[in-house]
Amino acid sequence: MFYTDKDGGLHIHPLEDSVFARFAAEGGKVNGRIVSVTQTGDVASVVLGFDDVSEPALSSWVDFHTLLRINGVWKITNKTATHATRAAWAADRNVQAEEATLA
């Protein structure tokens, strides 16, 4: 997993179960949203927004997940993320709501 924090610092962590357990233990209320999905056959890319409702400026992120379907089961093979303050339009929940209304 690669990600940049709000100051632009790069962090690299192996994608393992303990990372997800730590994220879950940090608390806070996070709303997830799908920004976009691209799929072709057994490969897909998903852009997700994770908006911390309690402290959005501190803990909101935009993630790119690459997935591969193996024996009928989708597996995340890569995760790259940036702090919402560095994610431009993808971090703006209002833009997403307006686009959904127009569709």
C-alpha atoms as a PDB file:
ATOM      1  CA  MET A   1       0.000   0.000   0.000  1.00  0.00           C
ATOM      2  CA  PHE A   2       1.367   3.377  -1.031  1.00  0.00           C
ATOM      3  CA  TYR A   3      -0.109   6.651   0.192  1.00  0.00           C
ATOM      4  CA  THR A   4       0.673  10.316   0.645  1.00  0.00           C
ATOM      5  CA  ASP A   5      -0.340  12.166   3.792  1.00  0.00           C
ATOM      6  CA  LYS A   6      -1.757  15.698   3.949  1.00  0.00           C
ATOM      7  CA  ASP A   7       1.773  17.155   3.777  1.00  0.00           C
ATOM      8  CA  GLY A   8       2.669  15.091   0.698  1.00  0.00           C
ATOM      9  CA  GLY A   9       4.922  12.634   2.553  1.00  0.00           C
ATOM     10  CA  LEU A  10       5.111   9.187   0.963  1.00  0.00           C
ATOM     11  CA  HIS A  11       4.351   6.106   3.097  1.00  0.00           C
ATOM     12  CA  ILE A  12       4.797   2.499   1.991  1.00  0.00           C
ATOM     13  CA  HIS A  13       3.311  -0.425   3.956  1.00  0.00           C
ATOM     14  CA  PRO A  14       2.839  -4.096   3.089  1.00  0.00           C
ATOM     15  CA  LEU A  15      -0.834  -4.851   2.522  1.00  0.00           C
ATOM     16  CA  GLU A  16      -1.584  -7.275   5.344  1.00  0.00           C
ATOM     17  CA  ASP A  17      -4.440  -8.051   7.703  1.00  0.00           C
ATOM     18  CA  SER A  18      -2.855  -6.195  10.636  1.00  0.00           C
ATOM     19  CA  VAL A  19      -3.032  -2.907   8.695  1.00  0.00           C
ATOM     20  CA  PHE A  20      -6.800  -3.248   8.257  1.00  0.00           C
ATOM     21  CA  ALA A  21      -7.272  -4.169  11.945  1.00  0.00           C
ATOM     22  CA  ARG A  22      -5.348  -1.016  12.930  1.00  0.00           C
ATOM     23  CA  PHE A  23      -7.472   1.154  10.632  1.00  0.00           C
ATOM     24  CA  ALA A  24     -10.660  -0.300  12.127  1.00  0.00           C
ATOM     25  CA  ALA A  25      -9.414   0.280  15.686  1.00  0.00           C
ATOM     26  CA  GLU A  26      -8.659   3.971  15.081  1.00  0.00           C
ATOM     27  CA  GLY A  27     -12.344   4.798  15.510  1.00  0.00           C
ATOM     28  CA  GLY A  28     -14.317   7.624  14.025  1.00  0.00           C
ATOM     29  CA  LYS A  29     -17.242   7.414  11.666  1.00  0.00           C
ATOM     30  CA  VAL A  30     -16.232   7.013   8.052  1.00  0.00           C
ATOM     31  CA  ASN A  31     -18.580   7.174   5.077  1.00  0.00           C
ATOM     32  CA  GLY A  32     -17.347   5.309   2.033  1.00  0.00           C
ATOM     33  CA  ARG A  33     -18.371   6.155  -1.516  1.00  0.00           C
ATOM     34  CA  ILE A  34     -17.590   4.822  -4.963  1.00  0.00           C
ATOM     35  CA  VAL A  35     -16.124   7.523  -7.200  1.00  0.00           C
ATOM     36  CA  SER A  36     -15.581   5.323 -10.276  1.00  0.00           C
ATOM     37  CA  VAL A  37     -15.261   1.709 -11.435  1.00  0.00           C
ATOM     38  CA  THR A  38     -13.553   0.400 -14.551  1.00  0.00           C
ATOM     39  CA  GLN A  39     -13.679  -3.315 -15.338  1.00  0.00           C
ATOM     40  CA  THR A  40     -12.591  -5.384 -18.283  1.00  0.00           C
ATOM     41  CA  GLY A  41     -12.876  -9.127 -17.880  1.00  0.00           C
ATOM     42  CA  ASP A  42     -10.957 -10.312 -14.830  1.00  0.00           C
ATOM     43  CA  VAL A  43      -9.269  -6.982 -13.996  1.00  0.00           C
ATOM     44  CA  ALA A  44     -10.771  -3.867 -12.436  1.00  0.00           C
ATOM     45  CA  SER A  45      -9.852  -0.509 -10.954  1.00  0.00           C
ATOM     46  CA  VAL A  46     -11.992   1.229  -8.330  1.00  0.00           C
ATOM     47  CA  VAL A  47     -11.648   4.758  -6.975  1.00  0.00           C
ATOM     48  CA  LEU A  48     -13.108   5.120  -3.487  1.00  0.00           C
ATOM     49  CA  GLY A  49     -13.622   8.084  -1.183  1.00  0.00           C
ATOM     50  CA  PHE A  50     -13.460   7.581   2.572  1.00  0.00           C
ATOM     51  CA  ASP A  51     -14.871  10.598   4.392  1.00  0.00           C
ATOM     52  CA  ASP A  52     -14.334  10.854   8.138  1.00  0.00           C
ATOM     53  CA  VAL A  53     -17.529  12.489   9.354  1.00  0.00           C
ATOM     54  CA  SER A  54     -16.084  13.428  12.746  1.00  0.00           C
ATOM     55  CA  GLU A  55     -12.895  15.130  11.465  1.00  0.00           C
ATOM     56  CA  PRO A  56     -12.899  15.302   7.648  1.00  0.00           C
ATOM     57  CA  ALA A  57      -9.820  17.507   7.404  1.00  0.00           C
ATOM     58  CA  LEU A  58      -7.750  14.973   9.343  1.00  0.00           C
ATOM     59  CA  SER A  59      -8.825  11.536   8.208  1.00  0.00           C
ATOM     60  CA  SER A  60     -10.445  11.587   4.776  1.00  0.00           C
ATOM     61  CA  TRP A  61      -8.825   9.735   1.868  1.00  0.00           C
ATOM     62  CA  VAL A  62      -9.193   8.933  -1.806  1.00  0.00           C
ATOM     63  CA  ASP A  63      -8.040   5.407  -2.730  1.00  0.00           C
ATOM     64  CA  PHE A  64      -7.322   3.571  -5.977  1.00  0.00           C
ATOM     65  CA  HIS A  65      -7.771  -0.192  -5.655  1.00  0.00           C
ATOM     66  CA  THR A  66      -6.646  -2.575  -8.380  1.00  0.00           C
ATOM     67  CA  LEU A  67      -8.493  -5.890  -8.364  1.00  0.00           C
ATOM     68  CA  LEU A  68      -8.004  -9.229 -10.069  1.00  0.00           C
ATOM     69  CA  ARG A  69     -10.662 -11.952 -10.295  1.00  0.00           C
ATOM     70  CA  ILE A  70      -9.050 -15.271  -9.393  1.00  0.00           C
ATOM     71  CA  ASN A  71     -11.217 -18.416  -9.598  1.00  0.00           C
ATOM     72  CA  GLY A  72     -14.337 -16.233  -9.475  1.00  0.00           C
ATOM     73  CA  VAL A  73     -13.262 -14.223  -6.389  1.00  0.00           C
ATOM     74  CA  TRP A  74     -12.169 -10.560  -6.585  1.00  0.00           C
ATOM     75  CA  LYS A  75      -8.881  -9.859  -4.773  1.00  0.00           C
ATOM     76  CA  ILE A  76      -7.286  -6.457  -4.093  1.00  0.00           C
ATOM     77  CA  THR A  77      -3.803  -6.601  -5.585  1.00  0.00           C
ATOM     78  CA  ASN A  78      -2.773  -3.000  -5.001  1.00  0.00           C
ATOM     79  CA  LYS A  79      -3.919   0.013  -3.013  1.00  0.00           C
ATOM     80  CA  THR A  80      -2.703   3.553  -3.606  1.00  0.00           C
ATOM     81  CA  ALA A  81      -4.191   6.479  -1.697  1.00  0.00           C
ATOM     82  CA  THR A  82      -3.795  10.134  -0.916  1.00  0.00           C
ATOM     83  CA  HIS A  83      -5.119  12.391   1.803  1.00  0.00           C
ATOM     84  CA  ALA A  84      -8.330  14.102   0.682  1.00  0.00           C
ATOM     85  CA  THR A  85      -6.680  17.531   0.815  1.00  0.00           C
ATOM     86  CA  ARG A  86      -4.427  16.364  -2.049  1.00  0.00           C
ATOM     87  CA  ALA A  87      -7.134  14.640  -4.134  1.00  0.00           C
ATOM     88  CA  ALA A  88      -8.722  17.602  -5.959  1.00  0.00           C
ATOM     89  CA  TRP A  89     -12.258  16.996  -7.298  1.00  0.00           C
ATOM     90  CA  ALA A  90     -12.412  13.332  -6.190  1.00  0.00           C
ATOM     91  CA  ALA A  91     -12.337  14.388  -2.549  1.00  0.00           C
ATOM     92  CA  ASP A  92     -15.235  16.821  -2.915  1.00  0.00           C
ATOM     93  CA  ARG A  93     -18.381  15.050  -1.697  1.00  0.00           C
ATOM     94  CA  ASN A  94     -20.528  17.906  -3.029  1.00  0.00           C
ATOM     95  CA  VAL A  95     -19.252  17.405  -6.580  1.00  0.00           C
ATOM     96  CA  GLN A  96     -20.120  13.712  -6.328  1.00  0.00           C
ATOM     97  CA  ALA A  97     -23.660  14.534  -5.138  1.00  0.00           C
ATOM     98  CA  GLU A  98     -24.151  17.005  -7.999  1.00  0.00           C
ATOM     99  CA  GLU A  99     -22.927  14.467 -10.580  1.00  0.00           C
ATOM    100  CA  ALA A 100     -25.293  11.823  -9.195  1.00  0.00           C
ATOM    101  CA  THR A 101     -28.198  14.284  -9.409  1.00  0.00           C
ATOM    102  CA  LEU A 102     -27.402  15.133 -13.044  1.00  0.00           C
ATOM    103  CA  ALA A 103     -27.148  11.472 -14.122  1.00  0.00           C
END
